[in-house]
Amino acid sequence: MRTHEFALLQRILKEHSGINLSPDKQDLLEGKLRPLLKELALPSIAHLAALLVKPGSEPLRSRVAQAASVQESYFFRNKAPFRYFADVMLPALMQARKSSKHIRVWCAATSSGQEPYSLAMELAEKGNELAGWNIEIIATDFARFALQKARKGIYSQFEVQRGLPISLLVKYFTKTDGGWEICPGIRSRVQFAEHNLIAEHDSLGTFEVIFCRNVLLYFDEVTKRAVLSRLAGRLASDGYLVLGSAETTTGLSTDFSPAPGGQHGIFVLSPQTQAARAWLEQGSWGRAGGGSLREATPHATAKHAT
């Protein structure tokens, strides 16, 4: 792959997915694009690059970004967030929502679906505790091929061996010729939709829990800040944001604080953002929509007006 070809692909990936690909990832990128080259009957990256600069190449650019995106996922990845969800988040939210009995969970950048299905199994294990409750799990990704796999709910032997307890495999999966198929009861708990994390999220509504794990680490600082700001706008005032264990909001966003208990990668809205949210929800300014709320206080507004 020549330097200018990599630069073109690097720019396309950044524009369409937010991923900031470093120069040392050229071989990895080329490997990810080989299936697309084969599908399009193109002999080389050079031929693909030539098509990408032609007018009307936007659909192909989107396909390239999807093919090159990181699609790493497995069941109950880093088990701690799932235990925290079942043992801490869910009881607290059920207490706060006992009148509406409605909780919404968003799995952003869901890849092939193992994360939302893991959450669905956690809910199923609660049994009668959730009788009468409506707990939505919305799972989104911008890669259509990943969503297609997720909706089918069929995983290979290798995939079910990565993190999935044998007791849950036996309980919630059926062996098929194509691998292991998740049962309809679990699959029906998850709604999949195409959505790009770097786009606006207003149409998705508000969520009590947002899982956005192991995604920010592929973004540059500007993109991280923008994504966190939009996520803050979609999180309920008493909600939880779950990032990867190595990811943080420190130095990137004042909208979040670490969740109680010192659990790595789990955050709540900061006191100042909660205060701004409460003030907005009283009707003074209407709904904030997407974006950071840290400036949305009477004091900040008056200061800005001067």
C-alpha atoms as a PDB file:
ATOM      1  CA  MET A   1       0.000   0.000   0.000  1.00  0.00           C
ATOM      2  CA  ARG A   2       1.470   3.333  -1.035  1.00  0.00           C
ATOM      3  CA  THR A   3       1.601   6.312   1.300  1.00  0.00           C
ATOM      4  CA  HIS A   4      -1.037   8.365  -0.500  1.00  0.00           C
ATOM      5  CA  GLU A   5      -3.394   5.374  -0.633  1.00  0.00           C
ATOM      6  CA  PHE A   6      -3.094   4.832   3.106  1.00  0.00           C
ATOM      7  CA  ALA A   7      -3.635   8.556   3.714  1.00  0.00           C
ATOM      8  CA  LEU A   8      -6.850   8.414   1.672  1.00  0.00           C
ATOM      9  CA  LEU A   9      -8.135   5.357   3.545  1.00  0.00           C
ATOM     10  CA  GLN A  10      -7.094   6.885   6.853  1.00  0.00           C
ATOM     11  CA  ARG A  11      -9.115  10.015   6.086  1.00  0.00           C
ATOM     12  CA  ILE A  12     -12.175   8.016   4.982  1.00  0.00           C
ATOM     13  CA  LEU A  13     -12.098   5.928   8.143  1.00  0.00           C
ATOM     14  CA  LYS A  14     -11.844   9.046  10.319  1.00  0.00           C
ATOM     15  CA  GLU A  15     -14.701  10.816   8.520  1.00  0.00           C
ATOM     16  CA  HIS A  16     -17.083   7.859   8.562  1.00  0.00           C
ATOM     17  CA  SER A  17     -16.330   6.166  11.880  1.00  0.00           C
ATOM     18  CA  GLY A  18     -14.231   8.547  13.936  1.00  0.00           C
ATOM     19  CA  ILE A  19     -11.410   5.983  14.134  1.00  0.00           C
ATOM     20  CA  ASN A  20      -7.970   7.565  14.155  1.00  0.00           C
ATOM     21  CA  LEU A  21      -5.764   4.970  12.445  1.00  0.00           C
ATOM     22  CA  SER A  22      -2.032   5.255  13.110  1.00  0.00           C
ATOM     23  CA  PRO A  23       0.563   4.607  10.357  1.00  0.00           C
ATOM     24  CA  ASP A  24       1.721   1.373  11.986  1.00  0.00           C
ATOM     25  CA  LYS A  25      -1.701  -0.168  11.250  1.00  0.00           C
ATOM     26  CA  GLN A  26      -1.254  -0.323   7.463  1.00  0.00           C
ATOM     27  CA  ASP A  27      -0.901  -4.107   7.370  1.00  0.00           C
ATOM     28  CA  LEU A  28      -3.934  -4.525   9.628  1.00  0.00           C
ATOM     29  CA  LEU A  29      -5.991  -2.244   7.407  1.00  0.00           C
ATOM     30  CA  GLU A  30      -4.958  -4.076   4.267  1.00  0.00           C
ATOM     31  CA  GLY A  31      -5.952  -7.393   5.841  1.00  0.00           C
ATOM     32  CA  LYS A  32      -9.381  -6.062   6.770  1.00  0.00           C
ATOM     33  CA  LEU A  33      -9.962  -4.798   3.229  1.00  0.00           C
ATOM     34  CA  ARG A  34      -9.013  -8.034   1.450  1.00  0.00           C
ATOM     35  CA  PRO A  35     -12.552  -9.500   1.617  1.00  0.00           C
ATOM     36  CA  LEU A  36     -13.945  -6.285   0.126  1.00  0.00           C
ATOM     37  CA  LEU A  37     -11.365  -6.378  -2.665  1.00  0.00           C
ATOM     38  CA  LYS A  38     -12.382  -9.948  -3.415  1.00  0.00           C
ATOM     39  CA  GLU A  39     -16.079  -9.064  -3.367  1.00  0.00           C
ATOM     40  CA  LEU A  40     -15.536  -6.174  -5.793  1.00  0.00           C
ATOM     41  CA  ALA A  41     -13.118  -8.209  -7.960  1.00  0.00           C
ATOM     42  CA  LEU A  42     -10.376  -5.621  -7.488  1.00  0.00           C
ATOM     43  CA  PRO A  43      -6.758  -6.830  -7.753  1.00  0.00           C
ATOM     44  CA  SER A  44      -5.230  -4.320  -5.339  1.00  0.00           C
ATOM     45  CA  ILE A  45      -5.657  -1.446  -2.886  1.00  0.00           C
ATOM     46  CA  ALA A  46      -4.501   0.864  -5.680  1.00  0.00           C
ATOM     47  CA  HIS A  47      -7.544  -0.072  -7.763  1.00  0.00           C
ATOM     48  CA  LEU A  48      -9.810   0.515  -4.763  1.00  0.00           C
ATOM     49  CA  ALA A  49      -8.223   3.908  -4.112  1.00  0.00           C
ATOM     50  CA  ALA A  50      -8.832   4.879  -7.732  1.00  0.00           C
ATOM     51  CA  LEU A  51     -12.546   4.177  -7.316  1.00  0.00           C
ATOM     52  CA  LEU A  52     -12.709   6.045  -4.019  1.00  0.00           C
ATOM     53  CA  VAL A  53     -11.658   9.359  -5.566  1.00  0.00           C
ATOM     54  CA  LYS A  54     -14.219   9.239  -8.355  1.00  0.00           C
ATOM     55  CA  PRO A  55     -17.438  11.300  -8.167  1.00  0.00           C
ATOM     56  CA  GLY A  56     -20.306   9.443  -6.545  1.00  0.00           C
ATOM     57  CA  SER A  57     -18.003   7.225  -4.460  1.00  0.00           C
ATOM     58  CA  GLU A  58     -19.689   7.993  -1.125  1.00  0.00           C
ATOM     59  CA  PRO A  59     -21.482   4.594  -0.814  1.00  0.00           C
ATOM     60  CA  LEU A  60     -18.180   2.812  -1.465  1.00  0.00           C
ATOM     61  CA  ARG A  61     -16.417   5.026   1.081  1.00  0.00           C
ATOM     62  CA  SER A  62     -18.995   4.005   3.667  1.00  0.00           C
ATOM     63  CA  ARG A  63     -18.454   0.328   2.856  1.00  0.00           C
ATOM     64  CA  VAL A  64     -14.701   0.746   3.197  1.00  0.00           C
ATOM     65  CA  ALA A  65     -15.098   2.357   6.618  1.00  0.00           C
ATOM     66  CA  GLN A  66     -17.415  -0.435   7.753  1.00  0.00           C
ATOM     67  CA  ALA A  67     -15.054  -3.125   6.493  1.00  0.00           C
ATOM     68  CA  ALA A  68     -12.074  -1.503   8.205  1.00  0.00           C
ATOM     69  CA  SER A  69     -13.785  -0.835  11.544  1.00  0.00           C
ATOM     70  CA  VAL A  70     -12.833  -2.791  14.637  1.00  0.00           C
ATOM     71  CA  GLN A  71     -15.446  -5.485  15.295  1.00  0.00           C
ATOM     72  CA  GLU A  72     -14.079  -7.192  18.405  1.00  0.00           C
ATOM     73  CA  SER A  73     -16.676  -8.444  20.878  1.00  0.00           C
ATOM     74  CA  TYR A  74     -17.434 -11.420  23.057  1.00  0.00           C
ATOM     75  CA  PHE A  75     -19.943 -12.476  25.684  1.00  0.00           C
ATOM     76  CA  PHE A  76     -19.608 -10.951  29.169  1.00  0.00           C
ATOM     77  CA  ARG A  77     -16.406  -9.197  28.142  1.00  0.00           C
ATOM     78  CA  ASN A  78     -14.678  -8.050  31.350  1.00  0.00           C
ATOM     79  CA  LYS A  79     -17.365  -9.498  33.618  1.00  0.00           C
ATOM     80  CA  ALA A  80     -17.331  -6.714  36.251  1.00  0.00           C
ATOM     81  CA  PRO A  81     -19.615  -4.247  34.367  1.00  0.00           C
ATOM     82  CA  PHE A  82     -22.269  -6.924  33.902  1.00  0.00           C
ATOM     83  CA  ARG A  83     -22.238  -7.778  37.617  1.00  0.00           C
ATOM     84  CA  TYR A  84     -22.443  -4.064  38.439  1.00  0.00           C
ATOM     85  CA  PHE A  85     -25.369  -3.740  36.042  1.00  0.00           C
ATOM     86  CA  ALA A  86     -27.245  -6.629  37.675  1.00  0.00           C
ATOM     87  CA  ASP A  87     -26.330  -5.953  41.309  1.00  0.00           C
ATOM     88  CA  VAL A  88     -26.100  -2.150  41.538  1.00  0.00           C
ATOM     89  CA  MET A  89     -27.534  -0.284  38.548  1.00  0.00           C
ATOM     90  CA  LEU A  90     -30.678  -2.330  38.079  1.00  0.00           C
ATOM     91  CA  PRO A  91     -31.855  -2.312  41.731  1.00  0.00           C
ATOM     92  CA  ALA A  92     -31.203   1.447  42.028  1.00  0.00           C
ATOM     93  CA  LEU A  93     -33.024   2.228  38.793  1.00  0.00           C
ATOM     94  CA  MET A  94     -35.931  -0.077  39.635  1.00  0.00           C
ATOM     95  CA  GLN A  95     -36.375   1.758  42.919  1.00  0.00           C
ATOM     96  CA  ALA A  96     -36.329   5.112  41.124  1.00  0.00           C
ATOM     97  CA  ARG A  97     -38.652   3.917  38.328  1.00  0.00           C
ATOM     98  CA  LYS A  98     -41.132   1.863  40.357  1.00  0.00           C
ATOM     99  CA  SER A  99     -44.042   3.980  39.145  1.00  0.00           C
ATOM    100  CA  SER A 100     -43.258   3.798  35.406  1.00  0.00           C
ATOM    101  CA  LYS A 101     -41.566   0.349  35.459  1.00  0.00           C
ATOM    102  CA  HIS A 102     -39.631   1.371  32.352  1.00  0.00           C
ATOM    103  CA  ILE A 103     -35.842   1.379  31.890  1.00  0.00           C
ATOM    104  CA  ARG A 104     -33.924   1.946  28.666  1.00  0.00           C
ATOM    105  CA  VAL A 105     -30.418   0.616  27.957  1.00  0.00           C
ATOM    106  CA  TRP A 106     -28.288   1.601  24.966  1.00  0.00           C
ATOM    107  CA  CYS A 107     -25.406  -0.529  23.708  1.00  0.00           C
ATOM    108  CA  ALA A 108     -23.505   1.776  21.353  1.00  0.00           C
ATOM    109  CA  ALA A 109     -21.073   0.301  18.810  1.00  0.00           C
ATOM    110  CA  THR A 110     -22.546  -3.106  19.536  1.00  0.00           C
ATOM    111  CA  SER A 111     -20.593  -4.983  16.856  1.00  0.00           C
ATOM    112  CA  SER A 112     -21.968  -8.535  16.436  1.00  0.00           C
ATOM    113  CA  GLY A 113     -24.309  -8.408  19.425  1.00  0.00           C
ATOM    114  CA  GLN A 114     -22.588 -10.292  22.236  1.00  0.00           C
ATOM    115  CA  GLU A 115     -22.789  -7.354  24.654  1.00  0.00           C
ATOM    116  CA  PRO A 116     -26.552  -6.657  24.444  1.00  0.00           C
ATOM    117  CA  TYR A 117     -27.312 -10.380  24.482  1.00  0.00           C
ATOM    118  CA  SER A 118     -25.177 -10.703  27.623  1.00  0.00           C
ATOM    119  CA  LEU A 119     -27.295  -7.981  29.243  1.00  0.00           C
ATOM    120  CA  ALA A 120     -30.460  -9.722  28.058  1.00  0.00           C
ATOM    121  CA  MET A 121     -29.301 -12.937  29.746  1.00  0.00           C
ATOM    122  CA  GLU A 122     -28.614 -11.003  32.954  1.00  0.00           C
ATOM    123  CA  LEU A 123     -32.201  -9.763  32.832  1.00  0.00           C
ATOM    124  CA  ALA A 124     -33.562 -13.230  32.094  1.00  0.00           C
ATOM    125  CA  GLU A 125     -31.698 -14.575  35.126  1.00  0.00           C
ATOM    126  CA  LYS A 126     -33.665 -12.147  37.308  1.00  0.00           C
ATOM    127  CA  GLY A 127     -36.812 -14.153  36.604  1.00  0.00           C
ATOM    128  CA  ASN A 128     -39.929 -12.916  38.397  1.00  0.00           C
ATOM    129  CA  GLU A 129     -38.113  -9.930  39.889  1.00  0.00           C
ATOM    130  CA  LEU A 130     -38.772  -8.121  36.605  1.00  0.00           C
ATOM    131  CA  ALA A 131     -42.403  -9.144  36.214  1.00  0.00           C
ATOM    132  CA  GLY A 132     -44.372  -6.190  34.867  1.00  0.00           C
ATOM    133  CA  TRP A 133     -41.235  -4.259  33.903  1.00  0.00           C
ATOM    134  CA  ASN A 134     -40.398  -2.977  30.423  1.00  0.00           C
ATOM    135  CA  ILE A 135     -36.618  -2.938  30.055  1.00  0.00           C
ATOM    136  CA  GLU A 136     -35.585  -1.961  26.547  1.00  0.00           C
ATOM    137  CA  ILE A 137     -32.162  -2.804  25.157  1.00  0.00           C
ATOM    138  CA  ILE A 138     -31.316  -0.761  22.056  1.00  0.00           C
ATOM    139  CA  ALA A 139     -28.152  -1.927  20.286  1.00  0.00           C
ATOM    140  CA  THR A 140     -26.629   0.165  17.509  1.00  0.00           C
ATOM    141  CA  ASP A 141     -23.689   0.052  15.126  1.00  0.00           C
ATOM    142  CA  PHE A 142     -22.836   1.721  11.839  1.00  0.00           C
ATOM    143  CA  ALA A 143     -21.513  -1.514  10.282  1.00  0.00           C
ATOM    144  CA  ARG A 144     -24.389  -3.260   8.529  1.00  0.00           C
ATOM    145  CA  PHE A 145     -22.638  -6.623   8.246  1.00  0.00           C
ATOM    146  CA  ALA A 146     -22.131  -6.657  12.033  1.00  0.00           C
ATOM    147  CA  LEU A 147     -25.805  -5.866  12.638  1.00  0.00           C
ATOM    148  CA  GLN A 148     -26.856  -8.637  10.252  1.00  0.00           C
ATOM    149  CA  LYS A 149     -24.872 -11.150  12.280  1.00  0.00           C
ATOM    150  CA  ALA A 150     -26.201  -9.730  15.545  1.00  0.00           C
ATOM    151  CA  ARG A 151     -29.830 -10.014  14.429  1.00  0.00           C
ATOM    152  CA  LYS A 152     -29.339 -13.656  13.415  1.00  0.00           C
ATOM    153  CA  GLY A 153     -27.965 -14.478  16.844  1.00  0.00           C
ATOM    154  CA  ILE A 154     -25.862 -17.401  15.586  1.00  0.00           C
ATOM    155  CA  TYR A 155     -22.334 -17.795  16.923  1.00  0.00           C
ATOM    156  CA  SER A 156     -19.494 -20.217  16.297  1.00  0.00           C
ATOM    157  CA  GLN A 157     -18.079 -22.625  18.854  1.00  0.00           C
ATOM    158  CA  PHE A 158     -15.123 -20.289  19.287  1.00  0.00           C
ATOM    159  CA  GLU A 159     -17.398 -17.295  19.900  1.00  0.00           C
ATOM    160  CA  VAL A 160     -19.520 -18.980  22.571  1.00  0.00           C
ATOM    161  CA  GLN A 161     -16.399 -20.212  24.341  1.00  0.00           C
ATOM    162  CA  ARG A 162     -15.184 -16.635  24.822  1.00  0.00           C
ATOM    163  CA  GLY A 163     -16.675 -15.539  28.140  1.00  0.00           C
ATOM    164  CA  LEU A 164     -20.014 -17.363  28.021  1.00  0.00           C
ATOM    165  CA  PRO A 165     -20.591 -19.649  31.039  1.00  0.00           C
ATOM    166  CA  ILE A 166     -21.514 -23.185  30.017  1.00  0.00           C
ATOM    167  CA  SER A 167     -24.670 -22.990  32.154  1.00  0.00           C
ATOM    168  CA  LEU A 168     -25.952 -20.038  30.111  1.00  0.00           C
ATOM    169  CA  LEU A 169     -24.932 -21.674  26.833  1.00  0.00           C
ATOM    170  CA  VAL A 170     -27.041 -24.728  27.670  1.00  0.00           C
ATOM    171  CA  LYS A 171     -29.914 -22.616  28.969  1.00  0.00           C
ATOM    172  CA  TYR A 172     -30.195 -19.981  26.254  1.00  0.00           C
ATOM    173  CA  PHE A 173     -28.681 -21.447  23.070  1.00  0.00           C
ATOM    174  CA  THR A 174     -29.541 -24.251  20.657  1.00  0.00           C
ATOM    175  CA  LYS A 175     -26.935 -26.186  18.680  1.00  0.00           C
ATOM    176  CA  THR A 176     -27.410 -25.818  14.928  1.00  0.00           C
ATOM    177  CA  ASP A 177     -25.441 -26.706  11.801  1.00  0.00           C
ATOM    178  CA  GLY A 178     -24.180 -23.126  11.706  1.00  0.00           C
ATOM    179  CA  GLY A 179     -23.039 -23.048  15.320  1.00  0.00           C
ATOM    180  CA  TRP A 180     -25.033 -21.979  18.374  1.00  0.00           C
ATOM    181  CA  GLU A 181     -28.270 -19.999  17.978  1.00  0.00           C
ATOM    182  CA  ILE A 182     -29.504 -17.809  20.787  1.00  0.00           C
ATOM    183  CA  CYS A 183     -33.061 -18.569  21.900  1.00  0.00           C
ATOM    184  CA  PRO A 184     -35.965 -16.379  20.728  1.00  0.00           C
ATOM    185  CA  GLY A 185     -36.702 -15.235  24.281  1.00  0.00           C
ATOM    186  CA  ILE A 186     -33.291 -13.589  24.583  1.00  0.00           C
ATOM    187  CA  ARG A 187     -33.174 -12.325  21.011  1.00  0.00           C
ATOM    188  CA  SER A 188     -36.556 -10.615  21.400  1.00  0.00           C
ATOM    189  CA  ARG A 189     -35.238  -8.537  24.317  1.00  0.00           C
ATOM    190  CA  VAL A 190     -32.820  -6.637  22.030  1.00  0.00           C
ATOM    191  CA  GLN A 191     -33.668  -4.126  19.301  1.00  0.00           C
ATOM    192  CA  PHE A 192     -30.907  -3.557  16.739  1.00  0.00           C
ATOM    193  CA  ALA A 193     -30.619  -0.379  14.691  1.00  0.00           C
ATOM    194  CA  GLU A 194     -28.103   1.219  12.344  1.00  0.00           C
ATOM    195  CA  HIS A 195     -26.570   4.305  13.916  1.00  0.00           C
ATOM    196  CA  ASN A 196     -23.172   6.004  13.796  1.00  0.00           C
ATOM    197  CA  LEU A 197     -21.719   6.930  17.168  1.00  0.00           C
ATOM    198  CA  ILE A 198     -20.175  10.123  15.792  1.00  0.00           C
ATOM    199  CA  ALA A 199     -23.575  11.356  14.550  1.00  0.00           C
ATOM    200  CA  GLU A 200     -26.207  13.181  16.608  1.00  0.00           C
ATOM    201  CA  HIS A 201     -28.177  10.946  18.998  1.00  0.00           C
ATOM    202  CA  ASP A 202     -31.298  13.039  19.664  1.00  0.00           C
ATOM    203  CA  SER A 203     -33.648  10.686  17.810  1.00  0.00           C
ATOM    204  CA  LEU A 204     -32.701   7.806  20.106  1.00  0.00           C
ATOM    205  CA  GLY A 205     -34.246   9.378  23.194  1.00  0.00           C
ATOM    206  CA  THR A 206     -32.998   9.174  26.773  1.00  0.00           C
ATOM    207  CA  PHE A 207     -31.431   6.150  28.457  1.00  0.00           C
ATOM    208  CA  GLU A 208     -30.899   5.069  32.046  1.00  0.00           C
ATOM    209  CA  VAL A 209     -27.794   3.064  31.086  1.00  0.00           C
ATOM    210  CA  ILE A 210     -25.397   3.572  28.178  1.00  0.00           C
ATOM    211  CA  PHE A 211     -22.750   0.975  27.347  1.00  0.00           C
ATOM    212  CA  CYS A 212     -20.058   2.433  25.075  1.00  0.00           C
ATOM    213  CA  ARG A 213     -17.106   0.206  25.815  1.00  0.00           C
ATOM    214  CA  ASN A 214     -13.696  -0.006  24.160  1.00  0.00           C
ATOM    215  CA  VAL A 215     -14.637   2.530  21.495  1.00  0.00           C
ATOM    216  CA  LEU A 216     -13.217   5.859  22.659  1.00  0.00           C
ATOM    217  CA  LEU A 217      -9.701   4.468  22.622  1.00  0.00           C
ATOM    218  CA  TYR A 218      -9.798   4.478  18.792  1.00  0.00           C
ATOM    219  CA  PHE A 219     -10.714   8.185  18.621  1.00  0.00           C
ATOM    220  CA  ASP A 220      -8.567  11.288  18.795  1.00  0.00           C
ATOM    221  CA  GLU A 221      -9.129  13.745  21.646  1.00  0.00           C
ATOM    222  CA  VAL A 222     -11.466  16.041  19.720  1.00  0.00           C
ATOM    223  CA  THR A 223     -13.724  13.139  18.731  1.00  0.00           C
ATOM    224  CA  LYS A 224     -13.687  11.728  22.270  1.00  0.00           C
ATOM    225  CA  ARG A 225     -14.855  15.047  23.666  1.00  0.00           C
ATOM    226  CA  ALA A 226     -17.639  15.344  21.098  1.00  0.00           C
ATOM    227  CA  VAL A 227     -18.874  11.786  21.661  1.00  0.00           C
ATOM    228  CA  LEU A 228     -18.883  12.149  25.451  1.00  0.00           C
ATOM    229  CA  SER A 229     -20.782  15.430  25.172  1.00  0.00           C
ATOM    230  CA  ARG A 230     -23.473  13.779  23.053  1.00  0.00           C
ATOM    231  CA  LEU A 231     -23.683  10.780  25.374  1.00  0.00           C
ATOM    232  CA  ALA A 232     -24.223  13.116  28.322  1.00  0.00           C
ATOM    233  CA  GLY A 233     -27.174  14.595  26.478  1.00  0.00           C
ATOM    234  CA  ARG A 234     -28.768  11.150  26.105  1.00  0.00           C
ATOM    235  CA  LEU A 235     -28.245   9.963  29.694  1.00  0.00           C
ATOM    236  CA  ALA A 236     -30.955  10.275  32.339  1.00  0.00           C
ATOM    237  CA  SER A 237     -29.997  12.460  35.292  1.00  0.00           C
ATOM    238  CA  ASP A 238     -29.592   9.372  37.511  1.00  0.00           C
ATOM    239  CA  GLY A 239     -28.205   7.159  34.755  1.00  0.00           C
ATOM    240  CA  TYR A 240     -24.921   5.321  34.244  1.00  0.00           C
ATOM    241  CA  LEU A 241     -22.319   5.456  31.475  1.00  0.00           C
ATOM    242  CA  VAL A 242     -20.214   2.309  31.044  1.00  0.00           C
ATOM    243  CA  LEU A 243     -16.877   2.657  29.227  1.00  0.00           C
ATOM    244  CA  GLY A 244     -14.074   0.150  28.818  1.00  0.00           C
ATOM    245  CA  SER A 245     -11.984  -0.535  31.914  1.00  0.00           C
ATOM    246  CA  ALA A 246      -9.048   1.366  30.387  1.00  0.00           C
ATOM    247  CA  GLU A 247     -11.164   4.318  29.231  1.00  0.00           C
ATOM    248  CA  THR A 248     -11.944   7.462  31.179  1.00  0.00           C
ATOM    249  CA  THR A 249     -13.733  10.791  30.973  1.00  0.00           C
ATOM    250  CA  THR A 250     -11.029  12.550  33.010  1.00  0.00           C
ATOM    251  CA  GLY A 251      -9.598  15.489  31.131  1.00  0.00           C
ATOM    252  CA  LEU A 252     -12.156  15.036  28.370  1.00  0.00           C
ATOM    253  CA  SER A 253     -15.524  15.909  29.897  1.00  0.00           C
ATOM    254  CA  THR A 254     -16.820  17.682  32.993  1.00  0.00           C
ATOM    255  CA  ASP A 255     -20.241  16.117  32.463  1.00  0.00           C
ATOM    256  CA  PHE A 256     -19.263  12.886  34.234  1.00  0.00           C
ATOM    257  CA  SER A 257     -17.940  11.669  37.578  1.00  0.00           C
ATOM    258  CA  PRO A 258     -16.817   8.151  38.575  1.00  0.00           C
ATOM    259  CA  ALA A 259     -19.684   6.024  39.852  1.00  0.00           C
ATOM    260  CA  PRO A 260     -19.803   5.223  43.586  1.00  0.00           C
ATOM    261  CA  GLY A 261     -17.800   2.179  44.603  1.00  0.00           C
ATOM    262  CA  GLY A 262     -14.713   2.843  42.518  1.00  0.00           C
ATOM    263  CA  GLN A 263     -15.719   0.536  39.671  1.00  0.00           C
ATOM    264  CA  HIS A 264     -13.342   1.215  36.766  1.00  0.00           C
ATOM    265  CA  GLY A 265     -15.010   2.486  33.603  1.00  0.00           C
ATOM    266  CA  ILE A 266     -18.419   3.321  35.109  1.00  0.00           C
ATOM    267  CA  PHE A 267     -19.562   6.925  35.396  1.00  0.00           C
ATOM    268  CA  VAL A 268     -22.560   9.013  36.431  1.00  0.00           C
ATOM    269  CA  LEU A 269     -23.415  12.582  35.548  1.00  0.00           C
ATOM    270  CA  SER A 270     -21.382  15.068  37.561  1.00  0.00           C
ATOM    271  CA  PRO A 271     -23.162  17.154  40.242  1.00  0.00           C
ATOM    272  CA  GLN A 272     -22.976  20.314  38.129  1.00  0.00           C
ATOM    273  CA  THR A 273     -24.398  18.538  35.093  1.00  0.00           C
ATOM    274  CA  GLN A 274     -27.168  16.985  37.185  1.00  0.00           C
ATOM    275  CA  ALA A 275     -28.004  20.439  38.530  1.00  0.00           C
ATOM    276  CA  ALA A 276     -28.085  21.866  35.022  1.00  0.00           C
ATOM    277  CA  ARG A 277     -30.266  18.988  33.869  1.00  0.00           C
ATOM    278  CA  ALA A 278     -32.730  19.514  36.744  1.00  0.00           C
ATOM    279  CA  TRP A 279     -32.933  23.219  35.951  1.00  0.00           C
ATOM    280  CA  LEU A 280     -33.576  22.522  32.288  1.00  0.00           C
ATOM    281  CA  GLU A 281     -36.210  19.896  33.051  1.00  0.00           C
ATOM    282  CA  GLN A 282     -38.127  22.423  35.154  1.00  0.00           C
ATOM    283  CA  GLY A 283     -39.019  24.070  31.852  1.00  0.00           C
ATOM    284  CA  SER A 284     -36.792  27.136  31.938  1.00  0.00           C
ATOM    285  CA  TRP A 285     -35.015  26.158  28.753  1.00  0.00           C
ATOM    286  CA  GLY A 286     -36.814  23.047  27.528  1.00  0.00           C
ATOM    287  CA  ARG A 287     -34.982  19.860  26.711  1.00  0.00           C
ATOM    288  CA  ALA A 288     -31.255  20.214  26.191  1.00  0.00           C
ATOM    289  CA  GLY A 289     -31.077  17.652  23.390  1.00  0.00           C
ATOM    290  CA  GLY A 290     -27.568  16.584  22.460  1.00  0.00           C
ATOM    291  CA  GLY A 291     -24.443  18.299  23.657  1.00  0.00           C
ATOM    292  CA  SER A 292     -22.790  19.219  26.902  1.00  0.00           C
ATOM    293  CA  LEU A 293     -24.861  20.667  29.722  1.00  0.00           C
ATOM    294  CA  ARG A 294     -22.021  22.221  31.700  1.00  0.00           C
ATOM    295  CA  GLU A 295     -22.785  25.727  30.392  1.00  0.00           C
ATOM    296  CA  ALA A 296     -26.548  25.396  30.861  1.00  0.00           C
ATOM    297  CA  THR A 297     -26.852  27.070  34.274  1.00  0.00           C
ATOM    298  CA  PRO A 298     -28.366  30.436  35.110  1.00  0.00           C
ATOM    299  CA  HIS A 299     -24.929  31.702  36.199  1.00  0.00           C
ATOM    300  CA  ALA A 300     -23.197  30.533  33.037  1.00  0.00           C
ATOM    301  CA  THR A 301     -25.967  31.924  30.869  1.00  0.00           C
ATOM    302  CA  ALA A 302     -25.779  35.353  32.480  1.00  0.00           C
ATOM    303  CA  LYS A 303     -22.007  35.367  32.124  1.00  0.00           C
ATOM    304  CA  HIS A 304     -22.258  34.436  28.458  1.00  0.00           C
ATOM    305  CA  ALA A 305     -24.822  37.197  27.863  1.00  0.00           C
ATOM    306  CA  THR A 306     -22.386  39.818  29.058  1.00  0.00           C
END
